[in-house]
PDB file of all heavy atoms in Angstrom:
ATOM      1  N   TYR A   1      98.399 108.348  95.359  1.00  0.00           N
ATOM      2  CA  TYR A   1      99.815 108.226  95.705  1.00  0.00           C
ATOM      3  C   TYR A   1     100.070 108.685  97.135  1.00  0.00           C
ATOM      4  O   TYR A   1     100.774 108.016  97.899  1.00  0.00           O
ATOM      5  CB  TYR A   1     100.635 109.050  94.715  1.00  0.00           C
ATOM      6  CG  TYR A   1     102.126 109.041  94.945  1.00  0.00           C
ATOM      7  CD1 TYR A   1     102.945 108.127  94.306  1.00  0.00           C
ATOM      8  CD2 TYR A   1     102.724 109.977  95.794  1.00  0.00           C
ATOM      9  CE1 TYR A   1     104.327 108.130  94.506  1.00  0.00           C
ATOM     10  CE2 TYR A   1     104.088 109.990  95.999  1.00  0.00           C
ATOM     11  CZ  TYR A   1     104.884 109.064  95.348  1.00  0.00           C
ATOM     12  OH  TYR A   1     106.243 109.075  95.569  1.00  0.00           O
ATOM     13  N   LYS A   2      99.488 109.829  97.523  1.00  0.00           N
ATOM     14  CA  LYS A   2      99.691 110.356  98.876  1.00  0.00           C
ATOM     15  C   LYS A   2      99.111 109.407  99.928  1.00  0.00           C
ATOM     16  O   LYS A   2      99.752 109.158 100.962  1.00  0.00           O
ATOM     17  CB  LYS A   2      99.024 111.728  98.987  1.00  0.00           C
ATOM     18  CG  LYS A   2      99.106 112.372 100.373  1.00  0.00           C
ATOM     19  CD  LYS A   2     100.506 112.742 100.748  1.00  0.00           C
ATOM     20  CE  LYS A   2     100.979 113.936  99.944  1.00  0.00           C
ATOM     21  NZ  LYS A   2     100.215 115.171 100.168  1.00  0.00           N
ATOM     22  N   ILE A   3      97.941 108.855  99.671  1.00  0.00           N
ATOM     23  CA  ILE A   3      97.315 107.942 100.641  1.00  0.00           C
ATOM     24  C   ILE A   3      98.140 106.667 100.793  1.00  0.00           C
ATOM     25  O   ILE A   3      98.350 106.171 101.911  1.00  0.00           O
ATOM     26  CB  ILE A   3      95.878 107.625 100.209  1.00  0.00           C
ATOM     27  CG1 ILE A   3      95.006 108.885 100.315  1.00  0.00           C
ATOM     28  CG2 ILE A   3      95.285 106.500 101.052  1.00  0.00           C
ATOM     29  CD1 ILE A   3      93.600 108.706  99.810  1.00  0.00           C
ATOM     30  N   LEU A   4      98.631 106.136  99.693  1.00  0.00           N
ATOM     31  CA  LEU A   4      99.446 104.920  99.761  1.00  0.00           C
ATOM     32  C   LEU A   4     100.766 105.177 100.476  1.00  0.00           C
ATOM     33  O   LEU A   4     101.258 104.318 101.220  1.00  0.00           O
ATOM     34  CB  LEU A   4      99.702 104.397  98.350  1.00  0.00           C
ATOM     35  CG  LEU A   4      98.480 103.824  97.626  1.00  0.00           C
ATOM     36  CD1 LEU A   4      98.820 103.495  96.178  1.00  0.00           C
ATOM     37  CD2 LEU A   4      97.965 102.581  98.341  1.00  0.00           C
ATOM     38  N   LEU A   5     101.344 106.345 100.271  1.00  0.00           N
ATOM     39  CA  LEU A   5     102.587 106.686 100.959  1.00  0.00           C
ATOM     40  C   LEU A   5     102.362 106.778 102.471  1.00  0.00           C
ATOM     41  O   LEU A   5     103.173 106.275 103.265  1.00  0.00           O
ATOM     42  CB  LEU A   5     103.139 108.001 100.422  1.00  0.00           C
ATOM     43  CG  LEU A   5     104.433 108.506 101.048  1.00  0.00           C
ATOM     44  CD1 LEU A   5     105.554 107.487 100.869  1.00  0.00           C
ATOM     45  CD2 LEU A   5     104.841 109.846 100.444  1.00  0.00           C
ATOM     46  N   LEU A   6     101.259 107.402 102.876  1.00  0.00           N
ATOM     47  CA  LEU A   6     100.937 107.478 104.297  1.00  0.00           C
ATOM     48  C   LEU A   6     100.694 106.086 104.877  1.00  0.00           C
ATOM     49  O   LEU A   6     101.102 105.785 106.001  1.00  0.00           O
ATOM     50  CB  LEU A   6      99.691 108.349 104.503  1.00  0.00           C
ATOM     51  CG  LEU A   6      99.858 109.856 104.279  1.00  0.00           C
ATOM     52  CD1 LEU A   6      98.508 110.549 104.372  1.00  0.00           C
ATOM     53  CD2 LEU A   6     100.825 110.454 105.292  1.00  0.00           C
ATOM     54  N   THR A   7     100.047 105.226 104.100  1.00  0.00           N
ATOM     55  CA  THR A   7      99.776 103.864 104.568  1.00  0.00           C
ATOM     56  C   THR A   7     101.080 103.100 104.787  1.00  0.00           C
ATOM     57  O   THR A   7     101.235 102.382 105.787  1.00  0.00           O
ATOM     58  CB  THR A   7      98.902 103.127 103.545  1.00  0.00           C
ATOM     59  OG1 THR A   7      97.710 103.876 103.300  1.00  0.00           O
ATOM     60  CG2 THR A   7      98.515 101.750 104.063  1.00  0.00           C
ATOM     61  N   PHE A   8     102.021 103.248 103.858  1.00  0.00           N
ATOM     62  CA  PHE A   8     103.316 102.574 104.009  1.00  0.00           C
ATOM     63  C   PHE A   8     104.036 103.062 105.268  1.00  0.00           C
ATOM     64  O   PHE A   8     104.635 102.268 106.003  1.00  0.00           O
ATOM     65  CB  PHE A   8     104.173 102.837 102.769  1.00  0.00           C
ATOM     66  CG  PHE A   8     105.540 102.213 102.825  1.00  0.00           C
ATOM     67  CD1 PHE A   8     105.722 100.877 102.500  1.00  0.00           C
ATOM     68  CD2 PHE A   8     106.650 102.965 103.211  1.00  0.00           C
ATOM     69  CE1 PHE A   8     106.980 100.297 102.549  1.00  0.00           C
ATOM     70  CE2 PHE A   8     107.914 102.388 103.266  1.00  0.00           C
ATOM     71  CZ  PHE A   8     108.080 101.053 102.937  1.00  0.00           C
ATOM     72  N   LYS A   9     103.979 104.352 105.527  1.00  0.00           N
ATOM     73  CA  LYS A   9     104.636 104.892 106.721  1.00  0.00           C
ATOM     74  C   LYS A   9     103.965 104.379 107.994  1.00  0.00           C
ATOM     75  O   LYS A   9     104.631 104.150 109.008  1.00  0.00           O
ATOM     76  CB  LYS A   9     104.610 106.414 106.676  1.00  0.00           C
ATOM     77  CG  LYS A   9     105.512 107.007 105.597  1.00  0.00           C
ATOM     78  CD  LYS A   9     105.514 108.527 105.634  1.00  0.00           C
ATOM     79  CE  LYS A   9     106.485 109.096 104.605  1.00  0.00           C
ATOM     80  NZ  LYS A   9     106.539 110.581 104.632  1.00  0.00           N
ATOM     81  N   ILE A  10     102.652 104.205 107.951  1.00  0.00           N
ATOM     82  CA  ILE A  10     101.948 103.653 109.108  1.00  0.00           C
ATOM     83  C   ILE A  10     102.436 102.238 109.398  1.00  0.00           C
ATOM     84  O   ILE A  10     102.736 101.883 110.548  1.00  0.00           O
ATOM     85  CB  ILE A  10     100.424 103.656 108.853  1.00  0.00           C
ATOM     86  CG1 ILE A  10      99.885 105.087 108.884  1.00  0.00           C
ATOM     87  CG2 ILE A  10      99.700 102.792 109.881  1.00  0.00           C
ATOM     88  CD1 ILE A  10      98.433 105.188 108.478  1.00  0.00           C
ATOM     89  N   LEU A  11     102.522 101.418 108.361  1.00  0.00           N
ATOM     90  CA  LEU A  11     102.916 100.020 108.540  1.00  0.00           C
ATOM     91  C   LEU A  11     104.359  99.875 108.979  1.00  0.00           C
ATOM     92  O   LEU A  11     104.753  98.831 109.509  1.00  0.00           O
ATOM     93  CB  LEU A  11     102.678  99.248 107.244  1.00  0.00           C
ATOM     94  CG  LEU A  11     101.221  99.155 106.784  1.00  0.00           C
ATOM     95  CD1 LEU A  11     101.123  98.430 105.450  1.00  0.00           C
ATOM     96  CD2 LEU A  11     100.367  98.457 107.827  1.00  0.00           C
ATOM     97  N   ASN A  12     105.164 100.914 108.757  1.00  0.00           N
ATOM     98  CA  ASN A  12     106.573 100.853 109.127  1.00  0.00           C
ATOM     99  C   ASN A  12     106.905 101.739 110.320  1.00  0.00           C
ATOM    100  O   ASN A  12     108.081 102.045 110.566  1.00  0.00           O
ATOM    101  CB  ASN A  12     107.446 101.245 107.936  1.00  0.00           C
ATOM    102  CG  ASN A  12     107.452 100.194 106.843  1.00  0.00           C
ATOM    103  OD1 ASN A  12     108.263  99.271 106.851  1.00  0.00           O
ATOM    104  ND2 ASN A  12     106.531 100.310 105.897  1.00  0.00           N
ATOM    105  N   GLY A  13     105.883 102.148 111.060  1.00  0.00           N
ATOM    106  CA  GLY A  13     106.102 102.903 112.283  1.00  0.00           C
ATOM    107  C   GLY A  13     106.631 104.296 112.085  1.00  0.00           C
ATOM    108  O   GLY A  13     107.283 104.845 112.976  1.00  0.00           O
ATOM    109  N   GLU A  14     106.357 104.907 110.931  1.00  0.00           N
ATOM    110  CA  GLU A  14     106.853 106.251 110.651  1.00  0.00           C
ATOM    111  C   GLU A  14     105.744 107.291 110.662  1.00  0.00           C
ATOM    112  O   GLU A  14     105.968 108.438 110.270  1.00  0.00           O
ATOM    113  CB  GLU A  14     107.547 106.270 109.274  1.00  0.00           C
ATOM    114  CG  GLU A  14     108.723 105.315 109.176  1.00  0.00           C
ATOM    115  CD  GLU A  14     109.311 105.280 107.778  1.00  0.00           C
ATOM    116  OE1 GLU A  14     108.871 106.098 106.938  1.00  0.00           O
ATOM    117  OE2 GLU A  14     110.205 104.462 107.518  1.00  0.00           O
ATOM    118  N   ALA A  15     104.550 106.925 111.111  1.00  0.00           N
ATOM    119  CA  ALA A  15     103.411 107.840 111.105  1.00  0.00           C
ATOM    120  C   ALA A  15     102.934 108.078 112.534  1.00  0.00           C
ATOM    121  O   ALA A  15     103.161 107.247 113.425  1.00  0.00           O
ATOM    122  CB  ALA A  15     102.268 107.266 110.262  1.00  0.00           C
ATOM    123  N   PRO A  16     102.284 109.203 112.796  1.00  0.00           N
ATOM    124  CA  PRO A  16     101.775 109.481 114.146  1.00  0.00           C
ATOM    125  C   PRO A  16     100.677 108.500 114.543  1.00  0.00           C
ATOM    126  O   PRO A  16     100.051 107.846 113.701  1.00  0.00           O
ATOM    127  CB  PRO A  16     101.232 110.917 114.018  1.00  0.00           C
ATOM    128  CG  PRO A  16     101.007 111.128 112.567  1.00  0.00           C
ATOM    129  CD  PRO A  16     102.034 110.313 111.862  1.00  0.00           C
ATOM    130  N   ALA A  17     100.430 108.433 115.841  1.00  0.00           N
ATOM    131  CA  ALA A  17      99.489 107.441 116.369  1.00  0.00           C
ATOM    132  C   ALA A  17      98.070 107.658 115.872  1.00  0.00           C
ATOM    133  O   ALA A  17      97.336 106.690 115.655  1.00  0.00           O
ATOM    134  CB  ALA A  17      99.514 107.479 117.907  1.00  0.00           C
ATOM    135  N   TYR A  18      97.660 108.941 115.680  1.00  0.00           N
ATOM    136  CA  TYR A  18      96.279 109.177 115.278  1.00  0.00           C
ATOM    137  C   TYR A  18      95.990 108.642 113.876  1.00  0.00           C
ATOM    138  O   TYR A  18      94.826 108.416 113.534  1.00  0.00           O
ATOM    139  CB  TYR A  18      95.936 110.666 115.362  1.00  0.00           C
ATOM    140  CG  TYR A  18      96.691 111.571 114.418  1.00  0.00           C
ATOM    141  CD1 TYR A  18      96.251 111.774 113.119  1.00  0.00           C
ATOM    142  CD2 TYR A  18      97.835 112.239 114.833  1.00  0.00           C
ATOM    143  CE1 TYR A  18      96.938 112.604 112.252  1.00  0.00           C
ATOM    144  CE2 TYR A  18      98.528 113.076 113.983  1.00  0.00           C
ATOM    145  CZ  TYR A  18      98.074 113.253 112.692  1.00  0.00           C
ATOM    146  OH  TYR A  18      98.759 114.077 111.831  1.00  0.00           O
ATOM    147  N   LEU A  19      97.034 108.411 113.070  1.00  0.00           N
ATOM    148  CA  LEU A  19      96.852 107.750 111.781  1.00  0.00           C
ATOM    149  C   LEU A  19      97.005 106.240 111.909  1.00  0.00           C
ATOM    150  O   LEU A  19      96.266 105.475 111.282  1.00  0.00           O
ATOM    151  CB  LEU A  19      97.863 108.284 110.761  1.00  0.00           C
ATOM    152  CG  LEU A  19      97.576 109.649 110.143  1.00  0.00           C
ATOM    153  CD1 LEU A  19      98.687 110.025 109.169  1.00  0.00           C
ATOM    154  CD2 LEU A  19      96.241 109.662 109.423  1.00  0.00           C
ATOM    155  N   SER A  20      97.963 105.814 112.722  1.00  0.00           N
ATOM    156  CA  SER A  20      98.210 104.373 112.891  1.00  0.00           C
ATOM    157  C   SER A  20      97.002 103.650 113.464  1.00  0.00           C
ATOM    158  O   SER A  20      96.786 102.468 113.169  1.00  0.00           O
ATOM    159  CB  SER A  20      99.433 104.160 113.789  1.00  0.00           C
ATOM    160  OG  SER A  20     100.570 104.807 113.251  1.00  0.00           O
ATOM    161  N   ASN A  21      96.213 104.348 114.250  1.00  0.00           N
ATOM    162  CA  ASN A  21      95.038 103.714 114.861  1.00  0.00           C
ATOM    163  C   ASN A  21      93.882 103.528 113.888  1.00  0.00           C
ATOM    164  O   ASN A  21      92.882 102.896 114.234  1.00  0.00           O
ATOM    165  CB  ASN A  21      94.556 104.553 116.051  1.00  0.00           C
ATOM    166  CG  ASN A  21      95.581 104.607 117.170  1.00  0.00           C
ATOM    167  OD1 ASN A  21      96.388 103.680 117.315  1.00  0.00           O
ATOM    168  ND2 ASN A  21      95.561 105.665 117.958  1.00  0.00           N
ATOM    169  N   LEU A  22      94.017 104.064 112.676  1.00  0.00           N
ATOM    170  CA  LEU A  22      92.908 104.007 111.729  1.00  0.00           C
ATOM    171  C   LEU A  22      92.927 102.762 110.849  1.00  0.00           C
ATOM    172  O   LEU A  22      91.928 102.456 110.198  1.00  0.00           O
ATOM    173  CB  LEU A  22      92.924 105.257 110.835  1.00  0.00           C
ATOM    174  CG  LEU A  22      92.703 106.598 111.536  1.00  0.00           C
ATOM    175  CD1 LEU A  22      92.789 107.740 110.529  1.00  0.00           C
ATOM    176  CD2 LEU A  22      91.357 106.630 112.232  1.00  0.00           C
ATOM    177  N   VAL A  23      94.049 102.070 110.790  1.00  0.00           N
ATOM    178  CA  VAL A  23      94.149 100.872 109.950  1.00  0.00           C
ATOM    179  C   VAL A  23      94.705  99.722 110.782  1.00  0.00           C
ATOM    180  O   VAL A  23      95.362  99.930 111.797  1.00  0.00           O
ATOM    181  CB  VAL A  23      95.049 101.116 108.723  1.00  0.00           C
ATOM    182  CG1 VAL A  23      94.462 102.199 107.836  1.00  0.00           C
ATOM    183  CG2 VAL A  23      96.461 101.493 109.142  1.00  0.00           C
ATOM    184  N   SER A  24      94.433  98.517 110.327  1.00  0.00           N
ATOM    185  CA  SER A  24      94.940  97.327 111.014  1.00  0.00           C
ATOM    186  C   SER A  24      95.279  96.265 109.985  1.00  0.00           C
ATOM    187  O   SER A  24      94.657  96.189 108.912  1.00  0.00           O
ATOM    188  CB  SER A  24      93.901  96.783 112.013  1.00  0.00           C
ATOM    189  OG  SER A  24      92.694  96.444 111.342  1.00  0.00           O
ATOM    190  N   ARG A  25      96.262  95.453 110.292  1.00  0.00           N
ATOM    191  CA  ARG A  25      96.682  94.391 109.372  1.00  0.00           C
ATOM    192  C   ARG A  25      95.622  93.298 109.289  1.00  0.00           C
ATOM    193  O   ARG A  25      94.911  93.008 110.259  1.00  0.00           O
ATOM    194  CB  ARG A  25      98.013  93.799 109.812  1.00  0.00           C
ATOM    195  CG  ARG A  25      99.183  94.780 109.721  1.00  0.00           C
ATOM    196  CD  ARG A  25     100.481  94.098 110.072  1.00  0.00           C
ATOM    197  NE  ARG A  25     101.615  95.016 110.037  1.00  0.00           N
ATOM    198  CZ  ARG A  25     102.327  95.270 108.955  1.00  0.00           C
ATOM    199  NH1 ARG A  25     102.014  94.668 107.811  1.00  0.00           N
ATOM    200  NH2 ARG A  25     103.347  96.116 108.988  1.00  0.00           N
TER     201      ARG A  25
END
C-alpha cells in the first residue's frame, strides 16, 4: 500500500525528484 501510494504521488508530481527519477511511464 505504501509503495503504491508513493508511486501515485510520483505520477502526479507530488513526490520529490529523487523518487520521481526512479520510475518512468
